Full PDB file with SEQRES, HELIX, SHEET, SSBOND, CRYST1, ORIGX, SCALE, CONECT and MASTER records, all heavy atoms in Angstrom:
SEQRES   1 A   35  LEU CYS ILE SER ASP VAL LEU PRO ILE LEU ALA LYS MET          
SEQRES   2 A   35  LEU HIS GLY HIS LYS ALA GLU PRO LEU HIS LEU CYS HIS          
SEQRES   3 A   35  ARG LEU ASP LYS GLU THR THR GLY VAL                          
HELIX    1 AA1 ILE A    3  HIS A   15  1                                  13    
CRYST1    1.000    1.000    1.000  90.00  90.00  90.00 P 1           1          
ORIGX1      1.000000  0.000000  0.000000        0.00000                         
ORIGX2      0.000000  1.000000  0.000000        0.00000                         
ORIGX3      0.000000  0.000000  1.000000        0.00000                         
SCALE1      1.000000  0.000000  0.000000        0.00000                         
SCALE2      0.000000  1.000000  0.000000        0.00000                         
SCALE3      0.000000  0.000000  1.000000        0.00000                         
ATOM      1  N   LEU A   1     111.826 103.499  93.918  1.00  0.00           N  
ATOM      2  CA  LEU A   1     112.599 104.530  94.581  1.00  0.00           C  
ATOM      3  C   LEU A   1     112.403 104.343  95.996  1.00  0.00           C  
ATOM      4  O   LEU A   1     111.298 103.884  96.528  1.00  0.00           O  
ATOM      5  CB  LEU A   1     111.957 105.929  94.167  1.00  0.00           C  
ATOM      6  CG  LEU A   1     112.683 107.187  94.575  1.00  0.00           C  
ATOM      7  CD1 LEU A   1     114.038 107.288  94.073  1.00  0.00           C  
ATOM      8  CD2 LEU A   1     111.900 108.430  94.185  1.00  0.00           C  
ATOM      9  N   CYS A   2     113.492 104.543  96.834  1.00  0.00           N  
ATOM     10  CA  CYS A   2     113.316 104.278  98.261  1.00  0.00           C  
ATOM     11  C   CYS A   2     114.215 105.342  99.062  1.00  0.00           C  
ATOM     12  O   CYS A   2     114.944 106.156  98.454  1.00  0.00           O  
ATOM     13  CB  CYS A   2     113.948 102.807  98.647  1.00  0.00           C  
ATOM     14  SG  CYS A   2     115.608 102.703  98.244  1.00  0.00           S  
ATOM     15  N   ILE A   3     114.035 105.349 100.215  1.00  0.00           N  
ATOM     16  CA  ILE A   3     114.743 106.404 101.093  1.00  0.00           C  
ATOM     17  C   ILE A   3     116.163 106.413 101.049  1.00  0.00           C  
ATOM     18  O   ILE A   3     116.831 107.293 100.724  1.00  0.00           O  
ATOM     19  CB  ILE A   3     114.201 106.291 102.608  1.00  0.00           C  
ATOM     20  CG1 ILE A   3     112.777 106.692 102.711  1.00  0.00           C  
ATOM     21  CG2 ILE A   3     115.110 107.076 103.434  1.00  0.00           C  
ATOM     22  CD1 ILE A   3     112.248 106.582 104.042  1.00  0.00           C  
ATOM     23  N   SER A   4     116.794 105.078 100.999  1.00  0.00           N  
ATOM     24  CA  SER A   4     118.175 105.152 100.918  1.00  0.00           C  
ATOM     25  C   SER A   4     118.716 105.553  99.597  1.00  0.00           C  
ATOM     26  O   SER A   4     119.884 106.076  99.527  1.00  0.00           O  
ATOM     27  CB  SER A   4     118.668 103.646 101.118  1.00  0.00           C  
ATOM     28  OG  SER A   4     118.232 102.734 100.170  1.00  0.00           O  
ATOM     29  N   ASP A   5     117.904 105.559  98.575  1.00  0.00           N  
ATOM     30  CA  ASP A   5     118.282 106.177  97.341  1.00  0.00           C  
ATOM     31  C   ASP A   5     118.534 107.672  97.386  1.00  0.00           C  
ATOM     32  O   ASP A   5     119.445 108.183  96.566  1.00  0.00           O  
ATOM     33  CB  ASP A   5     117.320 105.829  96.180  1.00  0.00           C  
ATOM     34  CG  ASP A   5     117.206 104.432  95.799  1.00  0.00           C  
ATOM     35  OD1 ASP A   5     118.144 103.588  96.002  1.00  0.00           O  
ATOM     36  OD2 ASP A   5     116.182 103.996  95.176  1.00  0.00           O  
ATOM     37  N   VAL A   6     117.841 108.278  98.124  1.00  0.00           N  
ATOM     38  CA  VAL A   6     117.820 109.738  98.196  1.00  0.00           C  
ATOM     39  C   VAL A   6     118.656 110.348  99.321  1.00  0.00           C  
ATOM     40  O   VAL A   6     118.729 111.533  99.452  1.00  0.00           O  
ATOM     41  CB  VAL A   6     116.396 110.343  98.135  1.00  0.00           C  
ATOM     42  CG1 VAL A   6     115.682 109.911  96.777  1.00  0.00           C  
ATOM     43  CG2 VAL A   6     115.679 110.007  99.327  1.00  0.00           C  
ATOM     44  N   LEU A   7     119.289 109.576 100.183  1.00  0.00           N  
ATOM     45  CA  LEU A   7     120.053 110.079 101.279  1.00  0.00           C  
ATOM     46  C   LEU A   7     121.158 111.088 100.823  1.00  0.00           C  
ATOM     47  O   LEU A   7     121.459 112.126 101.495  1.00  0.00           O  
ATOM     48  CB  LEU A   7     120.607 109.017 102.168  1.00  0.00           C  
ATOM     49  CG  LEU A   7     119.518 108.151 103.073  1.00  0.00           C  
ATOM     50  CD1 LEU A   7     120.124 107.120 103.781  1.00  0.00           C  
ATOM     51  CD2 LEU A   7     118.637 109.151 103.792  1.00  0.00           C  
ATOM     52  N   PRO A   8     121.819 110.761  99.701  1.00  0.00           N  
ATOM     53  CA  PRO A   8     122.882 111.665  99.277  1.00  0.00           C  
ATOM     54  C   PRO A   8     122.349 113.124  98.879  1.00  0.00           C  
ATOM     55  O   PRO A   8     122.911 114.129  99.197  1.00  0.00           O  
ATOM     56  CB  PRO A   8     123.556 110.941  98.062  1.00  0.00           C  
ATOM     57  CG  PRO A   8     123.285 109.541  98.263  1.00  0.00           C  
ATOM     58  CD  PRO A   8     121.981 109.533  98.976  1.00  0.00           C  
ATOM     59  N   ILE A   9     121.173 112.964  98.160  1.00  0.00           N  
ATOM     60  CA  ILE A   9     120.552 114.227  97.743  1.00  0.00           C  
ATOM     61  C   ILE A   9     120.099 115.013  98.960  1.00  0.00           C  
ATOM     62  O   ILE A   9     120.175 116.303  99.055  1.00  0.00           O  
ATOM     63  CB  ILE A   9     119.285 113.874  96.924  1.00  0.00           C  
ATOM     64  CG1 ILE A   9     119.834 113.068  95.488  1.00  0.00           C  
ATOM     65  CG2 ILE A   9     118.535 115.226  96.366  1.00  0.00           C  
ATOM     66  CD1 ILE A   9     118.749 112.430  94.664  1.00  0.00           C  
ATOM     67  N   LEU A  10     119.406 114.358  99.846  1.00  0.00           N  
ATOM     68  CA  LEU A  10     118.927 115.077 101.085  1.00  0.00           C  
ATOM     69  C   LEU A  10     120.064 115.673 101.809  1.00  0.00           C  
ATOM     70  O   LEU A  10     119.926 116.828 102.389  1.00  0.00           O  
ATOM     71  CB  LEU A  10     118.185 114.010 102.011  1.00  0.00           C  
ATOM     72  CG  LEU A  10     117.652 114.536 103.270  1.00  0.00           C  
ATOM     73  CD1 LEU A  10     116.534 115.550 103.109  1.00  0.00           C  
ATOM     74  CD2 LEU A  10     116.969 113.354 104.139  1.00  0.00           C  
ATOM     75  N   ALA A  11     121.165 115.036 102.091  1.00  0.00           N  
ATOM     76  CA  ALA A  11     122.377 115.521 102.666  1.00  0.00           C  
ATOM     77  C   ALA A  11     122.828 116.775 101.965  1.00  0.00           C  
ATOM     78  O   ALA A  11     123.143 117.834 102.612  1.00  0.00           O  
ATOM     79  CB  ALA A  11     123.434 114.542 102.764  1.00  0.00           C  
ATOM     80  N   LYS A  12     122.788 116.867 100.677  1.00  0.00           N  
ATOM     81  CA  LYS A  12     123.279 118.014  99.912  1.00  0.00           C  
ATOM     82  C   LYS A  12     122.235 119.194 100.133  1.00  0.00           C  
ATOM     83  O   LYS A  12     122.718 120.333 100.076  1.00  0.00           O  
ATOM     84  CB  LYS A  12     123.476 117.620  98.476  1.00  0.00           C  
ATOM     85  CG  LYS A  12     124.750 116.773  98.277  1.00  0.00           C  
ATOM     86  CD  LYS A  12     124.921 116.305  96.861  1.00  0.00           C  
ATOM     87  CE  LYS A  12     126.208 115.509  96.839  1.00  0.00           C  
ATOM     88  NZ  LYS A  12     126.583 114.903  95.674  1.00  0.00           N  
ATOM     89  N   MET A  13     120.909 118.863 100.188  1.00  0.00           N  
ATOM     90  CA  MET A  13     120.007 119.902 100.433  1.00  0.00           C  
ATOM     91  C   MET A  13     120.159 120.534 101.708  1.00  0.00           C  
ATOM     92  O   MET A  13     119.891 121.810 101.855  1.00  0.00           O  
ATOM     93  CB  MET A  13     118.616 119.284 100.236  1.00  0.00           C  
ATOM     94  CG  MET A  13     118.087 118.904  98.961  1.00  0.00           C  
ATOM     95  SD  MET A  13     116.419 118.253  98.960  1.00  0.00           S  
ATOM     96  CE  MET A  13     116.091 118.242  97.270  1.00  0.00           C  
ATOM     97  N   LEU A  14     120.580 119.660 102.726  1.00  0.00           N  
ATOM     98  CA  LEU A  14     120.687 120.177 104.133  1.00  0.00           C  
ATOM     99  C   LEU A  14     122.027 120.906 104.286  1.00  0.00           C  
ATOM    100  O   LEU A  14     122.149 121.809 105.177  1.00  0.00           O  
ATOM    101  CB  LEU A  14     120.503 119.053 105.072  1.00  0.00           C  
ATOM    102  CG  LEU A  14     119.053 118.563 105.075  1.00  0.00           C  
ATOM    103  CD1 LEU A  14     118.966 117.286 106.010  1.00  0.00           C  
ATOM    104  CD2 LEU A  14     118.009 119.489 105.306  1.00  0.00           C  
ATOM    105  N   HIS A  15     123.137 120.320 103.748  1.00  0.00           N  
ATOM    106  CA  HIS A  15     124.511 120.880 104.098  1.00  0.00           C  
ATOM    107  C   HIS A  15     125.326 121.356 102.872  1.00  0.00           C  
ATOM    108  O   HIS A  15     126.489 121.518 102.983  1.00  0.00           O  
ATOM    109  CB  HIS A  15     125.295 119.695 104.753  1.00  0.00           C  
ATOM    110  CG  HIS A  15     125.044 119.771 106.282  1.00  0.00           C  
ATOM    111  ND1 HIS A  15     125.943 119.102 107.103  1.00  0.00           N  
ATOM    112  CD2 HIS A  15     124.222 120.313 107.070  1.00  0.00           C  
ATOM    113  CE1 HIS A  15     125.651 119.332 108.277  1.00  0.00           C  
ATOM    114  NE2 HIS A  15     124.416 120.035 108.388  1.00  0.00           N  
ATOM    115  N   GLY A  16     124.737 121.363 101.666  1.00  0.00           N  
ATOM    116  CA  GLY A  16     125.506 121.817 100.541  1.00  0.00           C  
ATOM    117  C   GLY A  16     126.029 120.711  99.706  1.00  0.00           C  
ATOM    118  O   GLY A  16     126.014 119.581 100.033  1.00  0.00           O  
ATOM    119  N   HIS A  17     126.589 121.040  98.564  1.00  0.00           N  
ATOM    120  CA  HIS A  17     126.986 120.169  97.473  1.00  0.00           C  
ATOM    121  C   HIS A  17     128.164 119.193  97.922  1.00  0.00           C  
ATOM    122  O   HIS A  17     128.271 118.120  97.307  1.00  0.00           O  
ATOM    123  CB  HIS A  17     127.350 120.830  96.276  1.00  0.00           C  
ATOM    124  CG  HIS A  17     126.073 121.397  95.587  1.00  0.00           C  
ATOM    125  ND1 HIS A  17     125.148 120.612  94.915  1.00  0.00           N  
ATOM    126  CD2 HIS A  17     125.680 122.594  95.394  1.00  0.00           C  
ATOM    127  CE1 HIS A  17     124.208 121.252  94.437  1.00  0.00           C  
ATOM    128  NE2 HIS A  17     124.452 122.619  94.683  1.00  0.00           N  
ATOM    129  N   LYS A  18     128.994 119.603  98.965  1.00  0.00           N  
ATOM    130  CA  LYS A  18     130.024 118.842  99.341  1.00  0.00           C  
ATOM    131  C   LYS A  18     129.705 117.738 100.500  1.00  0.00           C  
ATOM    132  O   LYS A  18     130.617 117.071 101.125  1.00  0.00           O  
ATOM    133  CB  LYS A  18     131.292 119.614  99.767  1.00  0.00           C  
ATOM    134  CG  LYS A  18     131.857 120.334  98.554  1.00  0.00           C  
ATOM    135  CD  LYS A  18     133.091 121.155  98.944  1.00  0.00           C  
ATOM    136  CE  LYS A  18     133.606 121.794  97.652  1.00  0.00           C  
ATOM    137  NZ  LYS A  18     134.844 122.512  97.831  1.00  0.00           N  
ATOM    138  N   ALA A  19     128.395 117.760 100.878  1.00  0.00           N  
ATOM    139  CA  ALA A  19     127.940 116.928 102.112  1.00  0.00           C  
ATOM    140  C   ALA A  19     128.175 115.492 101.712  1.00  0.00           C  
ATOM    141  O   ALA A  19     127.763 115.064 100.617  1.00  0.00           O  
ATOM    142  CB  ALA A  19     126.548 117.334 102.418  1.00  0.00           C  
ATOM    143  N   GLU A  20     128.556 114.776 102.702  1.00  0.00           N  
ATOM    144  CA  GLU A  20     128.479 113.243 102.603  1.00  0.00           C  
ATOM    145  C   GLU A  20     127.198 112.731 102.718  1.00  0.00           C  
ATOM    146  O   GLU A  20     126.360 113.320 103.538  1.00  0.00           O  
ATOM    147  CB  GLU A  20     129.468 112.699 103.665  1.00  0.00           C  
ATOM    148  CG  GLU A  20     130.960 113.017 103.373  1.00  0.00           C  
ATOM    149  CD  GLU A  20     131.465 112.399 102.083  1.00  0.00           C  
ATOM    150  OE1 GLU A  20     131.187 111.081 101.909  1.00  0.00           O  
ATOM    151  OE2 GLU A  20     132.277 112.984 101.354  1.00  0.00           O  
ATOM    152  N   PRO A  21     126.809 111.619 102.239  1.00  0.00           N  
ATOM    153  CA  PRO A  21     125.467 111.042 102.383  1.00  0.00           C  
ATOM    154  C   PRO A  21     125.176 110.675 103.894  1.00  0.00           C  
ATOM    155  O   PRO A  21     126.110 110.468 104.599  1.00  0.00           O  
ATOM    156  CB  PRO A  21     125.508 109.810 101.636  1.00  0.00           C  
ATOM    157  CG  PRO A  21     126.659 109.845 100.701  1.00  0.00           C  
ATOM    158  CD  PRO A  21     127.503 110.826 101.339  1.00  0.00           C  
ATOM    159  N   LEU A  22     123.788 110.927 104.145  1.00  0.00           N  
ATOM    160  CA  LEU A  22     123.390 110.460 105.505  1.00  0.00           C  
ATOM    161  C   LEU A  22     123.380 108.949 105.637  1.00  0.00           C  
ATOM    162  O   LEU A  22     123.365 108.261 104.711  1.00  0.00           O  
ATOM    163  CB  LEU A  22     121.962 111.133 105.807  1.00  0.00           C  
ATOM    164  CG  LEU A  22     121.881 112.592 105.938  1.00  0.00           C  
ATOM    165  CD1 LEU A  22     120.479 113.067 105.629  1.00  0.00           C  
ATOM    166  CD2 LEU A  22     122.252 112.837 107.466  1.00  0.00           C  
ATOM    167  N   HIS A  23     123.468 108.445 106.815  1.00  0.00           N  
ATOM    168  CA  HIS A  23     123.524 107.050 107.138  1.00  0.00           C  
ATOM    169  C   HIS A  23     122.309 106.644 107.901  1.00  0.00           C  
ATOM    170  O   HIS A  23     121.861 107.341 108.782  1.00  0.00           O  
ATOM    171  CB  HIS A  23     124.657 106.693 107.963  1.00  0.00           C  
ATOM    172  CG  HIS A  23     125.996 107.067 107.373  1.00  0.00           C  
ATOM    173  ND1 HIS A  23     126.608 106.269 106.508  1.00  0.00           N  
ATOM    174  CD2 HIS A  23     126.740 108.110 107.409  1.00  0.00           C  
ATOM    175  CE1 HIS A  23     127.785 106.920 106.096  1.00  0.00           C  
ATOM    176  NE2 HIS A  23     127.828 108.088 106.676  1.00  0.00           N  
ATOM    177  N   LEU A  24     121.608 105.586 107.519  1.00  0.00           N  
ATOM    178  CA  LEU A  24     120.503 104.980 108.187  1.00  0.00           C  
ATOM    179  C   LEU A  24     120.846 104.422 109.531  1.00  0.00           C  
ATOM    180  O   LEU A  24     121.861 103.751 109.660  1.00  0.00           O  
ATOM    181  CB  LEU A  24     119.881 103.931 107.404  1.00  0.00           C  
ATOM    182  CG  LEU A  24     119.211 104.269 106.102  1.00  0.00           C  
ATOM    183  CD1 LEU A  24     118.949 103.027 105.108  1.00  0.00           C  
ATOM    184  CD2 LEU A  24     117.941 105.129 106.244  1.00  0.00           C  
ATOM    185  N   CYS A  25     120.194 104.644 110.567  1.00  0.00           N  
ATOM    186  CA  CYS A  25     120.444 104.189 111.861  1.00  0.00           C  
ATOM    187  C   CYS A  25     119.535 102.963 112.172  1.00  0.00           C  
ATOM    188  O   CYS A  25     119.773 102.124 113.020  1.00  0.00           O  
ATOM    189  CB  CYS A  25     120.168 105.286 112.915  1.00  0.00           C  
ATOM    190  SG  CYS A  25     121.324 106.578 112.818  1.00  0.00           S  
ATOM    191  N   HIS A  26     118.478 102.856 111.516  1.00  0.00           N  
ATOM    192  CA  HIS A  26     117.491 101.687 111.657  1.00  0.00           C  
ATOM    193  C   HIS A  26     116.572 101.713 110.358  1.00  0.00           C  
ATOM    194  O   HIS A  26     116.716 102.636 109.583  1.00  0.00           O  
ATOM    195  CB  HIS A  26     116.725 101.793 112.936  1.00  0.00           C  
ATOM    196  CG  HIS A  26     115.777 103.030 112.916  1.00  0.00           C  
ATOM    197  ND1 HIS A  26     114.424 102.996 112.776  1.00  0.00           N  
ATOM    198  CD2 HIS A  26     116.103 104.395 113.153  1.00  0.00           C  
ATOM    199  CE1 HIS A  26     113.929 104.168 112.889  1.00  0.00           C  
ATOM    200  NE2 HIS A  26     114.939 105.121 113.186  1.00  0.00           N  
ATOM    201  N   ARG A  27     115.635 100.920 110.381  1.00  0.00           N  
ATOM    202  CA  ARG A  27     114.723 100.868 109.229  1.00  0.00           C  
ATOM    203  C   ARG A  27     113.234 100.740 109.795  1.00  0.00           C  
ATOM    204  O   ARG A  27     113.053 100.335 110.974  1.00  0.00           O  
ATOM    205  CB  ARG A  27     114.980  99.775 108.234  1.00  0.00           C  
ATOM    206  CG  ARG A  27     114.944  98.392 108.891  1.00  0.00           C  
ATOM    207  CD  ARG A  27     115.027  97.360 107.621  1.00  0.00           C  
ATOM    208  NE  ARG A  27     114.394  96.217 107.985  1.00  0.00           N  
ATOM    209  CZ  ARG A  27     113.145  95.979 107.631  1.00  0.00           C  
ATOM    210  NH1 ARG A  27     112.431  96.847 107.110  1.00  0.00           N  
ATOM    211  NH2 ARG A  27     112.429  94.803 107.975  1.00  0.00           N  
ATOM    212  N   LEU A  28     112.322 101.026 108.934  1.00  0.00           N  
ATOM    213  CA  LEU A  28     111.051 100.923 109.205  1.00  0.00           C  
ATOM    214  C   LEU A  28     110.302 100.184 108.066  1.00  0.00           C  
ATOM    215  O   LEU A  28     110.837 100.331 106.875  1.00  0.00           O  
ATOM    216  CB  LEU A  28     110.264 102.175 109.422  1.00  0.00           C  
ATOM    217  CG  LEU A  28     110.547 103.074 110.716  1.00  0.00           C  
ATOM    218  CD1 LEU A  28     109.893 104.390 110.666  1.00  0.00           C  
ATOM    219  CD2 LEU A  28     110.221 102.236 111.885  1.00  0.00           C  
ATOM    220  N   ASP A  29     109.330  99.337 108.341  1.00  0.00           N  
ATOM    221  CA  ASP A  29     108.771  98.599 107.242  1.00  0.00           C  
ATOM    222  C   ASP A  29     108.002  99.575 106.253  1.00  0.00           C  
ATOM    223  O   ASP A  29     107.697 100.743 106.623  1.00  0.00           O  
ATOM    224  CB  ASP A  29     107.693  97.578 107.736  1.00  0.00           C  
ATOM    225  CG  ASP A  29     108.303  96.486 108.456  1.00  0.00           C  
ATOM    226  OD1 ASP A  29     109.490  96.088 108.221  1.00  0.00           O  
ATOM    227  OD2 ASP A  29     107.633  95.865 109.320  1.00  0.00           O  
ATOM    228  N   LYS A  30     107.857  99.174 105.034  1.00  0.00           N  
ATOM    229  CA  LYS A  30     107.248 100.019 104.017  1.00  0.00           C  
ATOM    230  C   LYS A  30     105.886 100.588 104.463  1.00  0.00           C  
ATOM    231  O   LYS A  30     105.604 101.789 104.328  1.00  0.00           O  
ATOM    232  CB  LYS A  30     107.072  99.197 102.778  1.00  0.00           C  
ATOM    233  CG  LYS A  30     106.456  99.886 101.688  1.00  0.00           C  
ATOM    234  CD  LYS A  30     106.254  98.956 100.425  1.00  0.00           C  
ATOM    235  CE  LYS A  30     105.434  99.589  99.259  1.00  0.00           C  
ATOM    236  NZ  LYS A  30     105.307  98.718  98.163  1.00  0.00           N  
ATOM    237  N   GLU A  31     105.142  99.715 105.128  1.00  0.00           N  
ATOM    238  CA  GLU A  31     103.732 100.095 105.596  1.00  0.00           C  
ATOM    239  C   GLU A  31     103.787 100.825 106.892  1.00  0.00           C  
ATOM    240  O   GLU A  31     102.608 101.197 107.375  1.00  0.00           O  
ATOM    241  CB  GLU A  31     102.940  98.810 105.699  1.00  0.00           C  
ATOM    242  CG  GLU A  31     102.622  98.277 104.392  1.00  0.00           C  
ATOM    243  CD  GLU A  31     103.784  97.232 103.939  1.00  0.00           C  
ATOM    244  OE1 GLU A  31     104.630  96.939 104.766  1.00  0.00           O  
ATOM    245  OE2 GLU A  31     103.751  96.849 102.764  1.00  0.00           O  
ATOM    246  N   THR A  32     104.990 101.106 107.470  1.00  0.00           N  
ATOM    247  CA  THR A  32     104.974 101.875 108.762  1.00  0.00           C  
ATOM    248  C   THR A  32     105.415 103.375 108.544  1.00  0.00           C  
ATOM    249  O   THR A  32     106.195 103.648 107.733  1.00  0.00           O  
ATOM    250  CB  THR A  32     106.137 101.155 109.652  1.00  0.00           C  
ATOM    251  OG1 THR A  32     105.822  99.863 109.853  1.00  0.00           O  
ATOM    252  CG2 THR A  32     106.207 101.850 110.906  1.00  0.00           C  
ATOM    253  N   THR A  33     104.577 104.033 109.155  1.00  0.00           N  
ATOM    254  CA  THR A  33     104.818 105.568 109.137  1.00  0.00           C  
ATOM    255  C   THR A  33     105.357 105.889 110.547  1.00  0.00           C  
ATOM    256  O   THR A  33     104.931 105.410 111.586  1.00  0.00           O  
ATOM    257  CB  THR A  33     103.459 106.248 109.058  1.00  0.00           C  
ATOM    258  OG1 THR A  33     102.834 105.960 107.757  1.00  0.00           O  
ATOM    259  CG2 THR A  33     103.648 107.721 108.948  1.00  0.00           C  
ATOM    260  N   GLY A  34     106.336 106.697 110.562  1.00  0.00           N  
ATOM    261  CA  GLY A  34     106.926 107.101 111.851  1.00  0.00           C  
ATOM    262  C   GLY A  34     108.303 107.788 111.595  1.00  0.00           C  
ATOM    263  O   GLY A  34     108.735 108.127 110.558  1.00  0.00           O  
ATOM    264  N   VAL A  35     108.835 108.042 112.819  1.00  0.00           N  
ATOM    265  CA  VAL A  35     110.146 108.850 112.746  1.00  0.00           C  
ATOM    266  C   VAL A  35     111.286 107.819 112.454  1.00  0.00           C  
ATOM    267  O   VAL A  35     111.237 106.684 112.860  1.00  0.00           O  
ATOM    268  CB  VAL A  35     110.427 109.580 114.092  1.00  0.00           C  
ATOM    269  CG1 VAL A  35     109.460 110.737 114.291  1.00  0.00           C  
ATOM    270  CG2 VAL A  35     110.600 108.644 115.275  1.00  0.00           C  
TER     271      VAL A  35                                                      
MASTER        0    0    0    1    0    0    0    6  270    1    0    3          
END                                                                             
């Protein structure tokens, strides 16, 4: 499981069932914590 897998679900949680998936603007390594 990864972040890109859950972007459609996260978008729906934030904007309702008709929300389009969020788009990644950059990436962070698996071992990196941050914004």
